[in-house]
Amino acid sequence: MKQKFTAINSIAKRHGIDIKTASLQFAEAPSMVSAIIPGARTAQQVKENIASMKVQIPADFWSELKAKNLIAQEAPTG
């Protein structure tokens, strides 16, 4: 898992994406998901989560993750 995290984080950085942002949006991508409840202990974290959901993640980021088998080929990504 640590190697997978490191690989995804490296790709995210190359695409200018925060891994937390990618994680939140990936969790929300399937059409059957109607809500996600990310943990937050402070008002600042809530604001950061909201901002993360507004970030436009480039399709190339998701394509690269699929090409490197870091996420399933059929995984919805937005």
PDB file of N, CA and C in Angstrom:
ATOM      1  N   MET A   1       0.819  -1.196   0.000  1.00  0.00           N
ATOM      2  CA  MET A   1       0.000   0.000   0.000  1.00  0.00           C
ATOM      3  C   MET A   1       0.867   1.266   0.000  1.00  0.00           C
ATOM      4  N   LYS A   2       1.963   1.214   0.737  1.00  0.00           N
ATOM      5  CA  LYS A   2       2.827   2.392   0.791  1.00  0.00           C
ATOM      6  C   LYS A   2       3.406   2.700  -0.587  1.00  0.00           C
ATOM      7  N   GLN A   3       3.793   1.663  -1.339  1.00  0.00           N
ATOM      8  CA  GLN A   3       4.333   1.879  -2.683  1.00  0.00           C
ATOM      9  C   GLN A   3       3.263   2.469  -3.600  1.00  0.00           C
ATOM     10  N   LYS A   4       2.053   1.972  -3.472  1.00  0.00           N
ATOM     11  CA  LYS A   4       0.954   2.467  -4.300  1.00  0.00           C
ATOM     12  C   LYS A   4       0.671   3.936  -3.959  1.00  0.00           C
ATOM     13  N   PHE A   5       0.632   4.249  -2.660  1.00  0.00           N
ATOM     14  CA  PHE A   5       0.422   5.637  -2.236  1.00  0.00           C
ATOM     15  C   PHE A   5       1.511   6.537  -2.804  1.00  0.00           C
ATOM     16  N   THR A   6       2.755   6.098  -2.689  1.00  0.00           N
ATOM     17  CA  THR A   6       3.883   6.894  -3.175  1.00  0.00           C
ATOM     18  C   THR A   6       3.771   7.130  -4.675  1.00  0.00           C
ATOM     19  N   ALA A   7       3.403   6.096  -5.424  1.00  0.00           N
ATOM     20  CA  ALA A   7       3.262   6.223  -6.874  1.00  0.00           C
ATOM     21  C   ALA A   7       2.138   7.185  -7.236  1.00  0.00           C
ATOM     22  N   ILE A   8       0.993   7.037  -6.585  1.00  0.00           N
ATOM     23  CA  ILE A   8      -0.147   7.926  -6.868  1.00  0.00           C
ATOM     24  C   ILE A   8       0.195   9.353  -6.483  1.00  0.00           C
ATOM     25  N   ASN A   9       0.832   9.529  -5.338  1.00  0.00           N
ATOM     26  CA  ASN A   9       1.196  10.866  -4.882  1.00  0.00           C
ATOM     27  C   ASN A   9       2.168  11.530  -5.855  1.00  0.00           C
ATOM     28  N   SER A  10       3.110  10.772  -6.381  1.00  0.00           N
ATOM     29  CA  SER A  10       4.069  11.307  -7.347  1.00  0.00           C
ATOM     30  C   SER A  10       3.363  11.770  -8.623  1.00  0.00           C
ATOM     31  N   ILE A  11       2.438  10.965  -9.109  1.00  0.00           N
ATOM     32  CA  ILE A  11       1.680  11.326 -10.312  1.00  0.00           C
ATOM     33  C   ILE A  11       0.813  12.552 -10.034  1.00  0.00           C
ATOM     34  N   ALA A  12       0.197  12.577  -8.874  1.00  0.00           N
ATOM     35  CA  ALA A  12      -0.651  13.721  -8.500  1.00  0.00           C
ATOM     36  C   ALA A  12       0.172  15.009  -8.499  1.00  0.00           C
ATOM     37  N   LYS A  13       1.338  14.962  -7.899  1.00  0.00           N
ATOM     38  CA  LYS A  13       2.195  16.156  -7.853  1.00  0.00           C
ATOM     39  C   LYS A  13       2.581  16.620  -9.251  1.00  0.00           C
ATOM     40  N   ARG A  14       2.893  15.661 -10.132  1.00  0.00           N
ATOM     41  CA  ARG A  14       3.256  16.025 -11.515  1.00  0.00           C
ATOM     42  C   ARG A  14       2.106  16.727 -12.228  1.00  0.00           C
ATOM     43  N   HIS A  15       0.888  16.366 -11.867  1.00  0.00           N
ATOM     44  CA  HIS A  15      -0.291  16.971 -12.493  1.00  0.00           C
ATOM     45  C   HIS A  15      -0.806  18.183 -11.708  1.00  0.00           C
ATOM     46  N   GLY A  16      -0.102  18.549 -10.648  1.00  0.00           N
ATOM     47  CA  GLY A  16      -0.497  19.703  -9.848  1.00  0.00           C
ATOM     48  C   GLY A  16      -1.728  19.452  -8.998  1.00  0.00           C
ATOM     49  N   ILE A  17      -1.914  18.189  -8.609  1.00  0.00           N
ATOM     50  CA  ILE A  17      -3.086  17.804  -7.830  1.00  0.00           C
ATOM     51  C   ILE A  17      -2.637  17.337  -6.451  1.00  0.00           C
ATOM     52  N   ASP A  18      -3.352  17.748  -5.428  1.00  0.00           N
ATOM     53  CA  ASP A  18      -3.127  17.266  -4.076  1.00  0.00           C
ATOM     54  C   ASP A  18      -3.763  15.882  -3.952  1.00  0.00           C
ATOM     55  N   ILE A  19      -3.061  14.936  -3.339  1.00  0.00           N
ATOM     56  CA  ILE A  19      -3.587  13.576  -3.245  1.00  0.00           C
ATOM     57  C   ILE A  19      -4.898  13.528  -2.458  1.00  0.00           C
ATOM     58  N   LYS A  20      -5.068  14.417  -1.498  1.00  0.00           N
ATOM     59  CA  LYS A  20      -6.334  14.467  -0.752  1.00  0.00           C
ATOM     60  C   LYS A  20      -7.481  14.854  -1.686  1.00  0.00           C
ATOM     61  N   THR A  21      -7.226  15.807  -2.554  1.00  0.00           N
ATOM     62  CA  THR A  21      -8.231  16.224  -3.528  1.00  0.00           C
ATOM     63  C   THR A  21      -8.594  15.059  -4.442  1.00  0.00           C
ATOM     64  N   ALA A  22      -7.582  14.368  -4.941  1.00  0.00           N
ATOM     65  CA  ALA A  22      -7.827  13.216  -5.810  1.00  0.00           C
ATOM     66  C   ALA A  22      -8.614  12.136  -5.071  1.00  0.00           C
ATOM     67  N   SER A  23      -8.265  11.889  -3.830  1.00  0.00           N
ATOM     68  CA  SER A  23      -8.950  10.860  -3.041  1.00  0.00           C
ATOM     69  C   SER A  23     -10.418  11.200  -2.827  1.00  0.00           C
ATOM     70  N   LEU A  24     -10.685  12.430  -2.465  1.00  0.00           N
ATOM     71  CA  LEU A  24     -12.075  12.851  -2.242  1.00  0.00           C
ATOM     72  C   LEU A  24     -12.896  12.725  -3.519  1.00  0.00           C
ATOM     73  N   GLN A  25     -12.339  13.191  -4.621  1.00  0.00           N
ATOM     74  CA  GLN A  25     -13.088  13.142  -5.878  1.00  0.00           C
ATOM     75  C   GLN A  25     -13.234  11.717  -6.396  1.00  0.00           C
ATOM     76  N   PHE A  26     -12.223  10.875  -6.164  1.00  0.00           N
ATOM     77  CA  PHE A  26     -12.315   9.484  -6.585  1.00  0.00           C
ATOM     78  C   PHE A  26     -13.428   8.775  -5.807  1.00  0.00           C
ATOM     79  N   ALA A  27     -13.524   9.065  -4.521  1.00  0.00           N
ATOM     80  CA  ALA A  27     -14.564   8.444  -3.689  1.00  0.00           C
ATOM     81  C   ALA A  27     -15.962   8.862  -4.127  1.00  0.00           C
ATOM     82  N   GLU A  28     -16.090  10.043  -4.677  1.00  0.00           N
ATOM     83  CA  GLU A  28     -17.389  10.574  -5.077  1.00  0.00           C
ATOM     84  C   GLU A  28     -17.765  10.230  -6.519  1.00  0.00           C
ATOM     85  N   ALA A  29     -16.823   9.737  -7.301  1.00  0.00           N
ATOM     86  CA  ALA A  29     -17.042   9.535  -8.739  1.00  0.00           C
ATOM     87  C   ALA A  29     -18.109   8.507  -9.120  1.00  0.00           C
ATOM     88  N   PRO A  30     -18.228   7.381  -8.430  1.00  0.00           N
ATOM     89  CA  PRO A  30     -19.249   6.403  -8.857  1.00  0.00           C
ATOM     90  C   PRO A  30     -20.657   6.992  -8.789  1.00  0.00           C
ATOM     91  N   SER A  31     -21.464   6.694  -9.795  1.00  0.00           N
ATOM     92  CA  SER A  31     -22.818   7.262  -9.855  1.00  0.00           C
ATOM     93  C   SER A  31     -23.690   6.815  -8.687  1.00  0.00           C
ATOM     94  N   MET A  32     -23.365   5.686  -8.073  1.00  0.00           N
ATOM     95  CA  MET A  32     -24.171   5.208  -6.947  1.00  0.00           C
ATOM     96  C   MET A  32     -23.872   5.967  -5.654  1.00  0.00           C
ATOM     97  N   VAL A  33     -22.812   6.765  -5.640  1.00  0.00           N
ATOM     98  CA  VAL A  33     -22.456   7.541  -4.451  1.00  0.00           C
ATOM     99  C   VAL A  33     -23.237   8.847  -4.462  1.00  0.00           C
ATOM    100  N   SER A  34     -24.001   9.059  -3.412  1.00  0.00           N
ATOM    101  CA  SER A  34     -24.775  10.302  -3.336  1.00  0.00           C
ATOM    102  C   SER A  34     -24.141  11.300  -2.382  1.00  0.00           C
ATOM    103  N   ALA A  35     -23.243  10.835  -1.516  1.00  0.00           N
ATOM    104  CA  ALA A  35     -22.573  11.734  -0.579  1.00  0.00           C
ATOM    105  C   ALA A  35     -21.321  11.051  -0.038  1.00  0.00           C
ATOM    106  N   ILE A  36     -20.356  11.854   0.313  1.00  0.00           N
ATOM    107  CA  ILE A  36     -19.197  11.362   1.048  1.00  0.00           C
ATOM    108  C   ILE A  36     -19.082  12.220   2.295  1.00  0.00           C
ATOM    109  N   ILE A  37     -18.547  11.634   3.336  1.00  0.00           N
ATOM    110  CA  ILE A  37     -18.401  12.367   4.596  1.00  0.00           C
ATOM    111  C   ILE A  37     -16.927  12.312   4.995  1.00  0.00           C
ATOM    112  N   PRO A  38     -16.138  13.256   4.490  1.00  0.00           N
ATOM    113  CA  PRO A  38     -14.725  13.259   4.846  1.00  0.00           C
ATOM    114  C   PRO A  38     -14.539  13.741   6.288  1.00  0.00           C
ATOM    115  N   GLY A  39     -13.589  13.159   6.949  1.00  0.00           N
ATOM    116  CA  GLY A  39     -13.318  13.577   8.323  1.00  0.00           C
ATOM    117  C   GLY A  39     -12.744  14.979   8.364  1.00  0.00           C
ATOM    118  N   ALA A  40     -13.149  15.722   9.355  1.00  0.00           N
ATOM    119  CA  ALA A  40     -12.623  17.072   9.565  1.00  0.00           C
ATOM    120  C   ALA A  40     -12.744  17.396  11.053  1.00  0.00           C
ATOM    121  N   ARG A  41     -11.655  17.894  11.612  1.00  0.00           N
ATOM    122  CA  ARG A  41     -11.670  18.259  13.037  1.00  0.00           C
ATOM    123  C   ARG A  41     -11.788  19.758  13.250  1.00  0.00           C
ATOM    124  N   THR A  42     -11.521  20.520  12.197  1.00  0.00           N
ATOM    125  CA  THR A  42     -11.551  21.976  12.343  1.00  0.00           C
ATOM    126  C   THR A  42     -12.355  22.598  11.211  1.00  0.00           C
ATOM    127  N   ALA A  43     -12.757  23.830  11.410  1.00  0.00           N
ATOM    128  CA  ALA A  43     -13.474  24.557  10.366  1.00  0.00           C
ATOM    129  C   ALA A  43     -12.589  24.719   9.128  1.00  0.00           C
ATOM    130  N   GLN A  44     -11.290  24.886   9.334  1.00  0.00           N
ATOM    131  CA  GLN A  44     -10.355  25.022   8.209  1.00  0.00           C
ATOM    132  C   GLN A  44     -10.337  23.756   7.363  1.00  0.00           C
ATOM    133  N   GLN A  45     -10.368  22.609   7.991  1.00  0.00           N
ATOM    134  CA  GLN A  45     -10.387  21.356   7.238  1.00  0.00           C
ATOM    135  C   GLN A  45     -11.672  21.217   6.434  1.00  0.00           C
ATOM    136  N   VAL A  46     -12.775  21.665   6.976  1.00  0.00           N
ATOM    137  CA  VAL A  46     -14.042  21.642   6.233  1.00  0.00           C
ATOM    138  C   VAL A  46     -13.915  22.520   4.990  1.00  0.00           C
ATOM    139  N   LYS A  47     -13.355  23.703   5.145  1.00  0.00           N
ATOM    140  CA  LYS A  47     -13.162  24.612   4.011  1.00  0.00           C
ATOM    141  C   LYS A  47     -12.235  23.995   2.966  1.00  0.00           C
ATOM    142  N   GLU A  48     -11.182  23.329   3.428  1.00  0.00           N
ATOM    143  CA  GLU A  48     -10.253  22.683   2.493  1.00  0.00           C
ATOM    144  C   GLU A  48     -10.942  21.554   1.726  1.00  0.00           C
ATOM    145  N   ASN A  49     -11.783  20.788   2.411  1.00  0.00           N
ATOM    146  CA  ASN A  49     -12.519  19.708   1.743  1.00  0.00           C
ATOM    147  C   ASN A  49     -13.460  20.260   0.676  1.00  0.00           C
ATOM    148  N   ILE A  50     -14.129  21.348   0.998  1.00  0.00           N
ATOM    149  CA  ILE A  50     -15.035  21.976   0.031  1.00  0.00           C
ATOM    150  C   ILE A  50     -14.235  22.462  -1.180  1.00  0.00           C
ATOM    151  N   ALA A  51     -13.108  23.093  -0.918  1.00  0.00           N
ATOM    152  CA  ALA A  51     -12.258  23.587  -2.014  1.00  0.00           C
ATOM    153  C   ALA A  51     -11.748  22.418  -2.865  1.00  0.00           C
ATOM    154  N   SER A  52     -11.408  21.306  -2.227  1.00  0.00           N
ATOM    155  CA  SER A  52     -10.920  20.133  -2.966  1.00  0.00           C
ATOM    156  C   SER A  52     -11.960  19.607  -3.944  1.00  0.00           C
ATOM    157  N   MET A  53     -13.209  19.680  -3.553  1.00  0.00           N
ATOM    158  CA  MET A  53     -14.269  19.165  -4.416  1.00  0.00           C
ATOM    159  C   MET A  53     -14.533  20.079  -5.615  1.00  0.00           C
ATOM    160  N   LYS A  54     -14.012  21.290  -5.574  1.00  0.00           N
ATOM    161  CA  LYS A  54     -14.205  22.239  -6.671  1.00  0.00           C
ATOM    162  C   LYS A  54     -13.041  22.232  -7.669  1.00  0.00           C
ATOM    163  N   VAL A  55     -11.969  21.529  -7.340  1.00  0.00           N
ATOM    164  CA  VAL A  55     -10.790  21.477  -8.211  1.00  0.00           C
ATOM    165  C   VAL A  55     -11.115  20.651  -9.451  1.00  0.00           C
ATOM    166  N   GLN A  56     -10.699  21.146 -10.593  1.00  0.00           N
ATOM    167  CA  GLN A  56     -10.870  20.418 -11.853  1.00  0.00           C
ATOM    168  C   GLN A  56      -9.640  19.534 -12.060  1.00  0.00           C
ATOM    169  N   ILE A  57      -9.809  18.238 -11.922  1.00  0.00           N
ATOM    170  CA  ILE A  57      -8.696  17.305 -12.092  1.00  0.00           C
ATOM    171  C   ILE A  57      -8.600  16.916 -13.563  1.00  0.00           C
ATOM    172  N   PRO A  58      -7.412  17.060 -14.159  1.00  0.00           N
ATOM    173  CA  PRO A  58      -7.268  16.733 -15.581  1.00  0.00           C
ATOM    174  C   PRO A  58      -7.498  15.239 -15.844  1.00  0.00           C
ATOM    175  N   ALA A  59      -8.152  14.944 -16.944  1.00  0.00           N
ATOM    176  CA  ALA A  59      -8.419  13.551 -17.328  1.00  0.00           C
ATOM    177  C   ALA A  59      -7.117  12.770 -17.473  1.00  0.00           C
ATOM    178  N   ASP A  60      -6.042  13.448 -17.872  1.00  0.00           N
ATOM    179  CA  ASP A  60      -4.744  12.783 -18.025  1.00  0.00           C
ATOM    180  C   ASP A  60      -4.255  12.170 -16.713  1.00  0.00           C
ATOM    181  N   PHE A  61      -4.599  12.793 -15.591  1.00  0.00           N
ATOM    182  CA  PHE A  61      -4.204  12.247 -14.288  1.00  0.00           C
ATOM    183  C   PHE A  61      -4.825  10.869 -14.088  1.00  0.00           C
ATOM    184  N   TRP A  62      -6.145  10.791 -14.299  1.00  0.00           N
ATOM    185  CA  TRP A  62      -6.845   9.517 -14.119  1.00  0.00           C
ATOM    186  C   TRP A  62      -6.359   8.495 -15.143  1.00  0.00           C
ATOM    187  N   SER A  63      -6.126   8.928 -16.367  1.00  0.00           N
ATOM    188  CA  SER A  63      -5.641   8.022 -17.409  1.00  0.00           C
ATOM    189  C   SER A  63      -4.290   7.425 -17.043  1.00  0.00           C
ATOM    190  N   GLU A  64      -3.423   8.241 -16.485  1.00  0.00           N
ATOM    191  CA  GLU A  64      -2.107   7.745 -16.088  1.00  0.00           C
ATOM    192  C   GLU A  64      -2.225   6.737 -14.948  1.00  0.00           C
ATOM    193  N   LEU A  65      -3.113   7.005 -13.996  1.00  0.00           N
ATOM    194  CA  LEU A  65      -3.311   6.045 -12.903  1.00  0.00           C
ATOM    195  C   LEU A  65      -3.806   4.710 -13.444  1.00  0.00           C
ATOM    196  N   LYS A  66      -4.704   4.750 -14.411  1.00  0.00           N
ATOM    197  CA  LYS A  66      -5.218   3.517 -15.020  1.00  0.00           C
ATOM    198  C   LYS A  66      -4.134   2.829 -15.836  1.00  0.00           C
ATOM    199  N   ALA A  67      -3.366   3.593 -16.587  1.00  0.00           N
ATOM    200  CA  ALA A  67      -2.306   3.018 -17.425  1.00  0.00           C
ATOM    201  C   ALA A  67      -1.249   2.308 -16.580  1.00  0.00           C
ATOM    202  N   LYS A  68      -1.035   2.799 -15.380  1.00  0.00           N
ATOM    203  CA  LYS A  68      -0.037   2.196 -14.491  1.00  0.00           C
ATOM    204  C   LYS A  68      -0.663   1.219 -13.499  1.00  0.00           C
ATOM    205  N   ASN A  69      -1.936   0.868 -13.754  1.00  0.00           N
ATOM    206  CA  ASN A  69      -2.662  -0.086 -12.916  1.00  0.00           C
ATOM    207  C   ASN A  69      -2.684   0.299 -11.441  1.00  0.00           C
ATOM    208  N   LEU A  70      -2.787   1.590 -11.178  1.00  0.00           N
ATOM    209  CA  LEU A  70      -2.897   2.060  -9.810  1.00  0.00           C
ATOM    210  C   LEU A  70      -4.358   2.178  -9.384  1.00  0.00           C
ATOM    211  N   ILE A  71      -5.240   2.272 -10.369  1.00  0.00           N
ATOM    212  CA  ILE A  71      -6.684   2.159 -10.138  1.00  0.00           C
ATOM    213  C   ILE A  71      -7.232   1.255 -11.250  1.00  0.00           C
ATOM    214  N   ALA A  72      -8.371   0.677 -11.008  1.00  0.00           N
ATOM    215  CA  ALA A  72      -8.961  -0.242 -11.976  1.00  0.00           C
ATOM    216  C   ALA A  72      -9.321   0.487 -13.270  1.00  0.00           C
ATOM    217  N   GLN A  73      -9.158  -0.209 -14.373  1.00  0.00           N
ATOM    218  CA  GLN A  73      -9.470   0.352 -15.689  1.00  0.00           C
ATOM    219  C   GLN A  73     -10.905   0.849 -15.767  1.00  0.00           C
ATOM    220  N   GLU A  74     -11.808   0.131 -15.135  1.00  0.00           N
ATOM    221  CA  GLU A  74     -13.231   0.488 -15.210  1.00  0.00           C
ATOM    222  C   GLU A  74     -13.683   1.443 -14.105  1.00  0.00           C
ATOM    223  N   ALA A  75     -12.755   1.887 -13.278  1.00  0.00           N
ATOM    224  CA  ALA A  75     -13.117   2.782 -12.178  1.00  0.00           C
ATOM    225  C   ALA A  75     -13.649   4.109 -12.715  1.00  0.00           C
ATOM    226  N   PRO A  76     -14.824   4.532 -12.216  1.00  0.00           N
ATOM    227  CA  PRO A  76     -15.327   5.846 -12.626  1.00  0.00           C
ATOM    228  C   PRO A  76     -14.442   6.940 -12.032  1.00  0.00           C
ATOM    229  N   THR A  77     -14.207   7.964 -12.805  1.00  0.00           N
ATOM    230  CA  THR A  77     -13.321   9.041 -12.352  1.00  0.00           C
ATOM    231  C   THR A  77     -13.915  10.425 -12.591  1.00  0.00           C
ATOM    232  N   GLY A  78     -15.139  10.501 -12.860  1.00  0.00           N
ATOM    233  CA  GLY A  78     -15.733  11.813 -12.989  1.00  0.00           C
ATOM    234  C   GLY A  78     -16.350  12.050 -14.242  1.00  0.00           C
TER     235      GLY A  78
END
